[in-house]
Amino acid sequence: MKDKSWYTNVKFVAIIAAVCCLFWGSSYPAIKIGFLLFDISPEDIPSKFVFAGYRFTLAGLALLL
């Protein structure tokens, strides 16, 4: 049996890179849609900070899982 790290497997690295690009690329549209869903105006800075805090908290919880 080969004892090979997953991080040297080309297919695994390509899939993980594609998933990361998908998540990073979708963050801008997701933020804009979130602003529309929660009725956050461009001038409402405190609501933007609260929204960002929720997003980072959810991202941290997802990372821990």
PDB file of N, CA and C in Angstrom:
ATOM      1  N   MET A   1       0.830  -1.184   0.000  1.00  0.00           N
ATOM      2  CA  MET A   1       0.000   0.000   0.000  1.00  0.00           C
ATOM      3  C   MET A   1       0.879   1.253   0.000  1.00  0.00           C
ATOM      4  N   LYS A   2       0.529   2.204  -0.838  1.00  0.00           N
ATOM      5  CA  LYS A   2       1.293   3.433  -0.906  1.00  0.00           C
ATOM      6  C   LYS A   2       0.937   4.332   0.273  1.00  0.00           C
ATOM      7  N   ASP A   3       1.951   4.906   0.881  1.00  0.00           N
ATOM      8  CA  ASP A   3       1.725   5.878   1.945  1.00  0.00           C
ATOM      9  C   ASP A   3       1.981   7.258   1.350  1.00  0.00           C
ATOM     10  N   LYS A   4       0.958   7.785   0.682  1.00  0.00           N
ATOM     11  CA  LYS A   4       1.082   9.044  -0.030  1.00  0.00           C
ATOM     12  C   LYS A   4       0.137  10.066   0.593  1.00  0.00           C
ATOM     13  N   SER A   5       0.640  11.265   0.798  1.00  0.00           N
ATOM     14  CA  SER A   5      -0.180  12.327   1.372  1.00  0.00           C
ATOM     15  C   SER A   5      -1.237  12.780   0.370  1.00  0.00           C
ATOM     16  N   TRP A   6      -2.399  13.170   0.884  1.00  0.00           N
ATOM     17  CA  TRP A   6      -3.467  13.670   0.024  1.00  0.00           C
ATOM     18  C   TRP A   6      -3.033  14.952  -0.684  1.00  0.00           C
ATOM     19  N   TYR A   7      -2.171  15.721  -0.018  1.00  0.00           N
ATOM     20  CA  TYR A   7      -1.776  17.016  -0.558  1.00  0.00           C
ATOM     21  C   TYR A   7      -0.781  16.897  -1.710  1.00  0.00           C
ATOM     22  N   THR A   8      -0.299  15.709  -1.990  1.00  0.00           N
ATOM     23  CA  THR A   8       0.548  15.503  -3.161  1.00  0.00           C
ATOM     24  C   THR A   8      -0.227  14.844  -4.290  1.00  0.00           C
ATOM     25  N   ASN A   9      -1.485  14.502  -4.046  1.00  0.00           N
ATOM     26  CA  ASN A   9      -2.348  13.931  -5.072  1.00  0.00           C
ATOM     27  C   ASN A   9      -2.897  15.072  -5.942  1.00  0.00           C
ATOM     28  N   VAL A  10      -2.571  15.049  -7.226  1.00  0.00           N
ATOM     29  CA  VAL A  10      -2.927  16.145  -8.126  1.00  0.00           C
ATOM     30  C   VAL A  10      -4.434  16.324  -8.225  1.00  0.00           C
ATOM     31  N   LYS A  11      -5.187  15.248  -8.296  1.00  0.00           N
ATOM     32  CA  LYS A  11      -6.649  15.362  -8.413  1.00  0.00           C
ATOM     33  C   LYS A  11      -7.256  15.991  -7.162  1.00  0.00           C
ATOM     34  N   PHE A  12      -6.788  15.577  -5.994  1.00  0.00           N
ATOM     35  CA  PHE A  12      -7.309  16.127  -4.741  1.00  0.00           C
ATOM     36  C   PHE A  12      -7.007  17.625  -4.641  1.00  0.00           C
ATOM     37  N   VAL A  13      -5.788  18.006  -4.971  1.00  0.00           N
ATOM     38  CA  VAL A  13      -5.399  19.420  -4.899  1.00  0.00           C
ATOM     39  C   VAL A  13      -6.217  20.244  -5.889  1.00  0.00           C
ATOM     40  N   ALA A  14      -6.459  19.732  -7.085  1.00  0.00           N
ATOM     41  CA  ALA A  14      -7.249  20.454  -8.080  1.00  0.00           C
ATOM     42  C   ALA A  14      -8.696  20.631  -7.615  1.00  0.00           C
ATOM     43  N   ILE A  15      -9.269  19.605  -7.019  1.00  0.00           N
ATOM     44  CA  ILE A  15     -10.652  19.694  -6.533  1.00  0.00           C
ATOM     45  C   ILE A  15     -10.757  20.693  -5.388  1.00  0.00           C
ATOM     46  N   ILE A  16      -9.825  20.635  -4.441  1.00  0.00           N
ATOM     47  CA  ILE A  16      -9.845  21.568  -3.314  1.00  0.00           C
ATOM     48  C   ILE A  16      -9.636  23.003  -3.804  1.00  0.00           C
ATOM     49  N   ALA A  17      -8.744  23.211  -4.767  1.00  0.00           N
ATOM     50  CA  ALA A  17      -8.520  24.548  -5.321  1.00  0.00           C
ATOM     51  C   ALA A  17      -9.785  25.064  -6.011  1.00  0.00           C
ATOM     52  N   ALA A  18     -10.480  24.198  -6.741  1.00  0.00           N
ATOM     53  CA  ALA A  18     -11.718  24.606  -7.408  1.00  0.00           C
ATOM     54  C   ALA A  18     -12.798  24.966  -6.390  1.00  0.00           C
ATOM     55  N   VAL A  19     -12.896  24.215  -5.307  1.00  0.00           N
ATOM     56  CA  VAL A  19     -13.885  24.512  -4.263  1.00  0.00           C
ATOM     57  C   VAL A  19     -13.563  25.849  -3.599  1.00  0.00           C
ATOM     58  N   CYS A  20     -12.284  26.096  -3.327  1.00  0.00           N
ATOM     59  CA  CYS A  20     -11.890  27.378  -2.727  1.00  0.00           C
ATOM     60  C   CYS A  20     -12.211  28.541  -3.657  1.00  0.00           C
ATOM     61  N   CYS A  21     -11.936  28.381  -4.940  1.00  0.00           N
ATOM     62  CA  CYS A  21     -12.264  29.432  -5.907  1.00  0.00           C
ATOM     63  C   CYS A  21     -13.768  29.670  -5.960  1.00  0.00           C
ATOM     64  N   LEU A  22     -14.542  28.612  -5.882  1.00  0.00           N
ATOM     65  CA  LEU A  22     -15.997  28.744  -5.884  1.00  0.00           C
ATOM     66  C   LEU A  22     -16.476  29.543  -4.675  1.00  0.00           C
ATOM     67  N   PHE A  23     -15.961  29.213  -3.491  1.00  0.00           N
ATOM     68  CA  PHE A  23     -16.374  29.931  -2.283  1.00  0.00           C
ATOM     69  C   PHE A  23     -15.919  31.387  -2.303  1.00  0.00           C
ATOM     70  N   TRP A  24     -14.654  31.631  -2.661  1.00  0.00           N
ATOM     71  CA  TRP A  24     -14.154  33.006  -2.688  1.00  0.00           C
ATOM     72  C   TRP A  24     -14.841  33.825  -3.758  1.00  0.00           C
ATOM     73  N   GLY A  25     -15.136  33.219  -4.876  1.00  0.00           N
ATOM     74  CA  GLY A  25     -15.802  33.939  -5.957  1.00  0.00           C
ATOM     75  C   GLY A  25     -17.261  34.230  -5.670  1.00  0.00           C
ATOM     76  N   SER A  26     -17.887  33.421  -4.839  1.00  0.00           N
ATOM     77  CA  SER A  26     -19.305  33.623  -4.543  1.00  0.00           C
ATOM     78  C   SER A  26     -19.538  34.544  -3.353  1.00  0.00           C
ATOM     79  N   SER A  27     -18.491  34.993  -2.693  1.00  0.00           N
ATOM     80  CA  SER A  27     -18.690  35.822  -1.498  1.00  0.00           C
ATOM     81  C   SER A  27     -19.274  37.195  -1.851  1.00  0.00           C
ATOM     82  N   TYR A  28     -18.799  37.810  -2.910  1.00  0.00           N
ATOM     83  CA  TYR A  28     -19.317  39.138  -3.272  1.00  0.00           C
ATOM     84  C   TYR A  28     -20.799  39.094  -3.624  1.00  0.00           C
ATOM     85  N   PRO A  29     -21.241  38.192  -4.524  1.00  0.00           N
ATOM     86  CA  PRO A  29     -22.686  38.132  -4.797  1.00  0.00           C
ATOM     87  C   PRO A  29     -23.505  37.745  -3.561  1.00  0.00           C
ATOM     88  N   ALA A  30     -22.961  36.880  -2.714  1.00  0.00           N
ATOM     89  CA  ALA A  30     -23.689  36.476  -1.509  1.00  0.00           C
ATOM     90  C   ALA A  30     -23.868  37.657  -0.559  1.00  0.00           C
ATOM     91  N   ILE A  31     -22.873  38.512  -0.448  1.00  0.00           N
ATOM     92  CA  ILE A  31     -22.992  39.691   0.409  1.00  0.00           C
ATOM     93  C   ILE A  31     -24.043  40.643  -0.148  1.00  0.00           C
ATOM     94  N   LYS A  32     -24.015  40.859  -1.458  1.00  0.00           N
ATOM     95  CA  LYS A  32     -24.997  41.749  -2.073  1.00  0.00           C
ATOM     96  C   LYS A  32     -26.422  41.213  -1.907  1.00  0.00           C
ATOM     97  N   ILE A  33     -26.600  39.916  -2.072  1.00  0.00           N
ATOM     98  CA  ILE A  33     -27.925  39.305  -1.884  1.00  0.00           C
ATOM     99  C   ILE A  33     -28.339  39.405  -0.419  1.00  0.00           C
ATOM    100  N   GLY A  34     -27.400  39.211   0.493  1.00  0.00           N
ATOM    101  CA  GLY A  34     -27.691  39.347   1.919  1.00  0.00           C
ATOM    102  C   GLY A  34     -28.126  40.756   2.280  1.00  0.00           C
ATOM    103  N   PHE A  35     -27.475  41.756   1.679  1.00  0.00           N
ATOM    104  CA  PHE A  35     -27.885  43.138   1.921  1.00  0.00           C
ATOM    105  C   PHE A  35     -29.319  43.363   1.458  1.00  0.00           C
ATOM    106  N   LEU A  36     -29.674  42.786   0.322  1.00  0.00           N
ATOM    107  CA  LEU A  36     -31.047  42.936  -0.171  1.00  0.00           C
ATOM    108  C   LEU A  36     -32.049  42.194   0.712  1.00  0.00           C
ATOM    109  N   LEU A  37     -31.689  40.986   1.129  1.00  0.00           N
ATOM    110  CA  LEU A  37     -32.614  40.194   1.952  1.00  0.00           C
ATOM    111  C   LEU A  37     -32.870  40.826   3.313  1.00  0.00           C
ATOM    112  N   PHE A  38     -31.821  41.413   3.901  1.00  0.00           N
ATOM    113  CA  PHE A  38     -31.967  42.006   5.236  1.00  0.00           C
ATOM    114  C   PHE A  38     -32.209  43.503   5.180  1.00  0.00           C
ATOM    115  N   ASP A  39     -32.448  44.025   3.967  1.00  0.00           N
ATOM    116  CA  ASP A  39     -32.772  45.438   3.762  1.00  0.00           C
ATOM    117  C   ASP A  39     -31.729  46.357   4.399  1.00  0.00           C
ATOM    118  N   ILE A  40     -30.461  46.114   4.052  1.00  0.00           N
ATOM    119  CA  ILE A  40     -29.360  46.933   4.556  1.00  0.00           C
ATOM    120  C   ILE A  40     -28.988  47.926   3.461  1.00  0.00           C
ATOM    121  N   SER A  41     -29.098  49.208   3.773  1.00  0.00           N
ATOM    122  CA  SER A  41     -28.797  50.234   2.774  1.00  0.00           C
ATOM    123  C   SER A  41     -27.290  50.487   2.742  1.00  0.00           C
ATOM    124  N   PRO A  42     -26.792  51.070   1.644  1.00  0.00           N
ATOM    125  CA  PRO A  42     -25.350  51.347   1.547  1.00  0.00           C
ATOM    126  C   PRO A  42     -24.842  52.323   2.604  1.00  0.00           C
ATOM    127  N   GLU A  43     -25.714  53.165   3.130  1.00  0.00           N
ATOM    128  CA  GLU A  43     -25.290  54.146   4.139  1.00  0.00           C
ATOM    129  C   GLU A  43     -25.351  53.608   5.567  1.00  0.00           C
ATOM    130  N   ASP A  44     -25.927  52.451   5.763  1.00  0.00           N
ATOM    131  CA  ASP A  44     -26.139  51.895   7.106  1.00  0.00           C
ATOM    132  C   ASP A  44     -24.918  51.079   7.539  1.00  0.00           C
ATOM    133  N   ILE A  45     -23.890  51.776   8.019  1.00  0.00           N
ATOM    134  CA  ILE A  45     -22.621  51.149   8.373  1.00  0.00           C
ATOM    135  C   ILE A  45     -22.757  50.183   9.560  1.00  0.00           C
ATOM    136  N   PRO A  46     -23.460  50.538  10.650  1.00  0.00           N
ATOM    137  CA  PRO A  46     -23.571  49.584  11.767  1.00  0.00           C
ATOM    138  C   PRO A  46     -24.207  48.251  11.372  1.00  0.00           C
ATOM    139  N   SER A  47     -25.236  48.301  10.535  1.00  0.00           N
ATOM    140  CA  SER A  47     -25.868  47.051  10.095  1.00  0.00           C
ATOM    141  C   SER A  47     -24.912  46.217   9.250  1.00  0.00           C
ATOM    142  N   LYS A  48     -24.064  46.879   8.466  1.00  0.00           N
ATOM    143  CA  LYS A  48     -23.070  46.154   7.678  1.00  0.00           C
ATOM    144  C   LYS A  48     -22.081  45.432   8.584  1.00  0.00           C
ATOM    145  N   PHE A  49     -21.670  46.086   9.681  1.00  0.00           N
ATOM    146  CA  PHE A  49     -20.752  45.449  10.626  1.00  0.00           C
ATOM    147  C   PHE A  49     -21.395  44.259  11.320  1.00  0.00           C
ATOM    148  N   VAL A  50     -22.650  44.382  11.686  1.00  0.00           N
ATOM    149  CA  VAL A  50     -23.363  43.272  12.319  1.00  0.00           C
ATOM    150  C   VAL A  50     -23.495  42.107  11.338  1.00  0.00           C
ATOM    151  N   PHE A  51     -23.837  42.416  10.093  1.00  0.00           N
ATOM    152  CA  PHE A  51     -23.954  41.391   9.058  1.00  0.00           C
ATOM    153  C   PHE A  51     -22.613  40.690   8.842  1.00  0.00           C
ATOM    154  N   ALA A  52     -21.524  41.464   8.792  1.00  0.00           N
ATOM    155  CA  ALA A  52     -20.188  40.878   8.636  1.00  0.00           C
ATOM    156  C   ALA A  52     -19.837  40.008   9.837  1.00  0.00           C
ATOM    157  N   GLY A  53     -20.216  40.444  11.023  1.00  0.00           N
ATOM    158  CA  GLY A  53     -19.958  39.643  12.217  1.00  0.00           C
ATOM    159  C   GLY A  53     -20.672  38.308  12.172  1.00  0.00           C
ATOM    160  N   TYR A  54     -21.916  38.319  11.734  1.00  0.00           N
ATOM    161  CA  TYR A  54     -22.654  37.057  11.589  1.00  0.00           C
ATOM    162  C   TYR A  54     -21.998  36.147  10.558  1.00  0.00           C
ATOM    163  N   ARG A  55     -21.565  36.733   9.436  1.00  0.00           N
ATOM    164  CA  ARG A  55     -20.924  35.923   8.395  1.00  0.00           C
ATOM    165  C   ARG A  55     -19.639  35.284   8.907  1.00  0.00           C
ATOM    166  N   PHE A  56     -18.811  36.057   9.608  1.00  0.00           N
ATOM    167  CA  PHE A  56     -17.554  35.513  10.123  1.00  0.00           C
ATOM    168  C   PHE A  56     -17.792  34.497  11.232  1.00  0.00           C
ATOM    169  N   THR A  57     -18.823  34.701  12.041  1.00  0.00           N
ATOM    170  CA  THR A  57     -19.156  33.713  13.077  1.00  0.00           C
ATOM    171  C   THR A  57     -19.592  32.407  12.452  1.00  0.00           C
ATOM    172  N   LEU A  58     -20.455  32.479  11.444  1.00  0.00           N
ATOM    173  CA  LEU A  58     -20.883  31.258  10.753  1.00  0.00           C
ATOM    174  C   LEU A  58     -19.716  30.575  10.036  1.00  0.00           C
ATOM    175  N   ALA A  59     -18.821  31.370   9.459  1.00  0.00           N
ATOM    176  CA  ALA A  59     -17.650  30.785   8.794  1.00  0.00           C
ATOM    177  C   ALA A  59     -16.738  30.105   9.816  1.00  0.00           C
ATOM    178  N   GLY A  60     -16.576  30.709  10.980  1.00  0.00           N
ATOM    179  CA  GLY A  60     -15.773  30.084  12.029  1.00  0.00           C
ATOM    180  C   GLY A  60     -16.370  28.798  12.535  1.00  0.00           C
ATOM    181  N   LEU A  61     -17.683  28.768  12.704  1.00  0.00           N
ATOM    182  CA  LEU A  61     -18.348  27.537  13.136  1.00  0.00           C
ATOM    183  C   LEU A  61     -18.235  26.448  12.077  1.00  0.00           C
ATOM    184  N   ALA A  62     -18.370  26.834  10.804  1.00  0.00           N
ATOM    185  CA  ALA A  62     -18.223  25.860   9.729  1.00  0.00           C
ATOM    186  C   ALA A  62     -16.799  25.311   9.683  1.00  0.00           C
ATOM    187  N   LEU A  63     -15.827  26.166   9.960  1.00  0.00           N
ATOM    188  CA  LEU A  63     -14.435  25.727   9.972  1.00  0.00           C
ATOM    189  C   LEU A  63     -14.181  24.750  11.115  1.00  0.00           C
ATOM    190  N   LEU A  64     -14.797  24.986  12.252  1.00  0.00           N
ATOM    191  CA  LEU A  64     -14.616  24.090  13.389  1.00  0.00           C
ATOM    192  C   LEU A  64     -15.252  22.716  13.141  1.00  0.00           C
ATOM    193  N   LEU A  65     -16.334  22.701  12.383  1.00  0.00           N
ATOM    194  CA  LEU A  65     -16.980  21.421  12.067  1.00  0.00           C
ATOM    195  C   LEU A  65     -16.110  20.637  11.127  1.00  0.00           C
TER     196      LEU A  65
END
